Amino acid sequence: MDSRVEVSESSLAAGAGSPWPEGIVWCVRPPAGAQGRRALALNLVFVLSLILVGLAVVGVFIEIPFVSNYAFWVAIAAYIMLAGTHK
């Protein structure tokens, strides 16, 4: 994993109120690809939760072996998946 430390000119000037000695301010940023992977994971969970809710709604009207018996709980599981992905 590539972890780089970047120090910018503006962050050096803003270091007056920091507990570090003046002129030593570290701005640590995650690698560029990390944000894209997180967004992809959030979208994947969102799509899976939508599929589960869709199955729960369809399972109320059409017999789907496991889903029809537990349609309410399948919808609750989809909501928990969705709520767990938000900050």
C-alpha atoms as a PDB file:
ATOM      1  CA  MET A   1       0.000   0.000   0.000  1.00  0.00           C
ATOM      2  CA  ASP A   2       1.340   3.366  -0.980  1.00  0.00           C
ATOM      3  CA  SER A   3       1.134   5.893   1.852  1.00  0.00           C
ATOM      4  CA  ARG A   4       2.510   9.289   1.043  1.00  0.00           C
ATOM      5  CA  VAL A   5       2.869  12.338   3.231  1.00  0.00           C
ATOM      6  CA  GLU A   6       2.335  15.674   1.546  1.00  0.00           C
ATOM      7  CA  VAL A   7       3.230  19.037   3.042  1.00  0.00           C
ATOM      8  CA  SER A   8       1.812  22.088   1.334  1.00  0.00           C
ATOM      9  CA  GLU A   9       2.890  25.720   1.651  1.00  0.00           C
ATOM     10  CA  SER A  10      -0.479  26.803   3.063  1.00  0.00           C
ATOM     11  CA  SER A  11      -0.389  24.106   5.729  1.00  0.00           C
ATOM     12  CA  LEU A  12       3.042  25.286   6.838  1.00  0.00           C
ATOM     13  CA  ALA A  13       1.756  28.831   7.233  1.00  0.00           C
ATOM     14  CA  ALA A  14      -1.298  27.634   9.171  1.00  0.00           C
ATOM     15  CA  GLY A  15       0.771  25.706  11.706  1.00  0.00           C
ATOM     16  CA  ALA A  16       0.912  28.535  14.258  1.00  0.00           C
ATOM     17  CA  GLY A  17      -1.784  27.044  16.522  1.00  0.00           C
ATOM     18  CA  SER A  18      -0.615  23.445  16.327  1.00  0.00           C
ATOM     19  CA  PRO A  19       1.133  21.595  19.152  1.00  0.00           C
ATOM     20  CA  TRP A  20       4.007  20.784  16.789  1.00  0.00           C
ATOM     21  CA  PRO A  21       6.997  23.077  16.423  1.00  0.00           C
ATOM     22  CA  GLU A  22       6.386  25.832  13.903  1.00  0.00           C
ATOM     23  CA  GLY A  23       6.851  24.744  10.322  1.00  0.00           C
ATOM     24  CA  ILE A  24       6.160  21.031  10.945  1.00  0.00           C
ATOM     25  CA  VAL A  25       2.639  20.204   9.833  1.00  0.00           C
ATOM     26  CA  TRP A  26       1.860  16.888   8.185  1.00  0.00           C
ATOM     27  CA  CYS A  27      -1.093  16.504   5.863  1.00  0.00           C
ATOM     28  CA  VAL A  28      -1.672  12.788   5.375  1.00  0.00           C
ATOM     29  CA  ARG A  29      -3.935  11.798   2.514  1.00  0.00           C
ATOM     30  CA  PRO A  30      -5.086   8.301   1.598  1.00  0.00           C
ATOM     31  CA  PRO A  31      -3.906   6.914  -1.731  1.00  0.00           C
ATOM     32  CA  ALA A  32      -5.979   8.120  -4.666  1.00  0.00           C
ATOM     33  CA  GLY A  33      -7.541   4.716  -5.384  1.00  0.00           C
ATOM     34  CA  ALA A  34      -8.828   4.191  -1.841  1.00  0.00           C
ATOM     35  CA  GLN A  35     -11.756   6.586  -2.244  1.00  0.00           C
ATOM     36  CA  GLY A  36     -12.848   4.906  -5.458  1.00  0.00           C
ATOM     37  CA  ARG A  37     -12.823   1.454  -3.864  1.00  0.00           C
ATOM     38  CA  ARG A  38     -14.897   2.739  -0.924  1.00  0.00           C
ATOM     39  CA  ALA A  39     -17.433   4.333  -3.275  1.00  0.00           C
ATOM     40  CA  LEU A  40     -17.671   1.077  -5.209  1.00  0.00           C
ATOM     41  CA  ALA A  41     -18.268  -0.884  -1.998  1.00  0.00           C
ATOM     42  CA  LEU A  42     -20.990   1.557  -0.923  1.00  0.00           C
ATOM     43  CA  ASN A  43     -22.698   1.297  -4.296  1.00  0.00           C
ATOM     44  CA  LEU A  44     -22.521  -2.487  -4.202  1.00  0.00           C
ATOM     45  CA  VAL A  45     -24.153  -2.639  -0.753  1.00  0.00           C
ATOM     46  CA  PHE A  46     -26.782  -0.135  -1.891  1.00  0.00           C
ATOM     47  CA  VAL A  47     -27.650  -2.259  -4.926  1.00  0.00           C
ATOM     48  CA  LEU A  48     -27.756  -5.438  -2.820  1.00  0.00           C
ATOM     49  CA  SER A  49     -30.100  -3.809  -0.317  1.00  0.00           C
ATOM     50  CA  LEU A  50     -32.385  -2.659  -3.139  1.00  0.00           C
ATOM     51  CA  ILE A  51     -32.458  -6.197  -4.515  1.00  0.00           C
ATOM     52  CA  LEU A  52     -33.353  -7.576  -1.076  1.00  0.00           C
ATOM     53  CA  VAL A  53     -36.187  -5.069  -0.639  1.00  0.00           C
ATOM     54  CA  GLY A  54     -37.446  -5.875  -4.119  1.00  0.00           C
ATOM     55  CA  LEU A  55     -37.416  -9.583  -3.295  1.00  0.00           C
ATOM     56  CA  ALA A  56     -39.261  -8.916  -0.038  1.00  0.00           C
ATOM     57  CA  VAL A  57     -42.001  -6.958  -1.803  1.00  0.00           C
ATOM     58  CA  VAL A  58     -42.345  -9.524  -4.582  1.00  0.00           C
ATOM     59  CA  GLY A  59     -42.252 -12.310  -1.985  1.00  0.00           C
ATOM     60  CA  VAL A  60     -45.430 -10.945  -0.407  1.00  0.00           C
ATOM     61  CA  PHE A  61     -47.377 -11.440  -3.645  1.00  0.00           C
ATOM     62  CA  ILE A  62     -45.580 -14.419  -5.214  1.00  0.00           C
ATOM     63  CA  GLU A  63     -44.352 -17.511  -3.361  1.00  0.00           C
ATOM     64  CA  ILE A  64     -40.555 -17.424  -3.054  1.00  0.00           C
ATOM     65  CA  PRO A  65     -39.409 -20.296  -0.800  1.00  0.00           C
ATOM     66  CA  PHE A  66     -37.489 -18.507   1.967  1.00  0.00           C
ATOM     67  CA  VAL A  67     -38.296 -14.883   1.244  1.00  0.00           C
ATOM     68  CA  SER A  68     -42.087 -15.209   1.321  1.00  0.00           C
ATOM     69  CA  ASN A  69     -42.088 -16.620   4.851  1.00  0.00           C
ATOM     70  CA  TYR A  70     -39.751 -13.924   6.180  1.00  0.00           C
ATOM     71  CA  ALA A  71     -40.463 -10.958   3.882  1.00  0.00           C
ATOM     72  CA  PHE A  72     -40.591  -8.463   6.749  1.00  0.00           C
ATOM     73  CA  TRP A  73     -37.245  -9.619   8.131  1.00  0.00           C
ATOM     74  CA  VAL A  74     -35.650  -9.629   4.693  1.00  0.00           C
ATOM     75  CA  ALA A  75     -36.728  -5.990   4.288  1.00  0.00           C
ATOM     76  CA  ILE A  76     -35.337  -5.169   7.764  1.00  0.00           C
ATOM     77  CA  ALA A  77     -32.028  -6.838   6.845  1.00  0.00           C
ATOM     78  CA  ALA A  78     -31.877  -4.751   3.669  1.00  0.00           C
ATOM     79  CA  TYR A  79     -32.487  -1.587   5.699  1.00  0.00           C
ATOM     80  CA  ILE A  80     -29.755  -2.514   8.188  1.00  0.00           C
ATOM     81  CA  MET A  81     -27.351  -3.096   5.297  1.00  0.00           C
ATOM     82  CA  LEU A  82     -28.247   0.292   3.853  1.00  0.00           C
ATOM     83  CA  ALA A  83     -28.042   2.123   7.195  1.00  0.00           C
ATOM     84  CA  GLY A  84     -24.696   0.512   7.991  1.00  0.00           C
ATOM     85  CA  THR A  85     -23.059   2.057   4.946  1.00  0.00           C
ATOM     86  CA  HIS A  86     -23.812   5.687   5.819  1.00  0.00           C
ATOM     87  CA  LYS A  87     -21.492   7.800   7.911  1.00  0.00           C
END
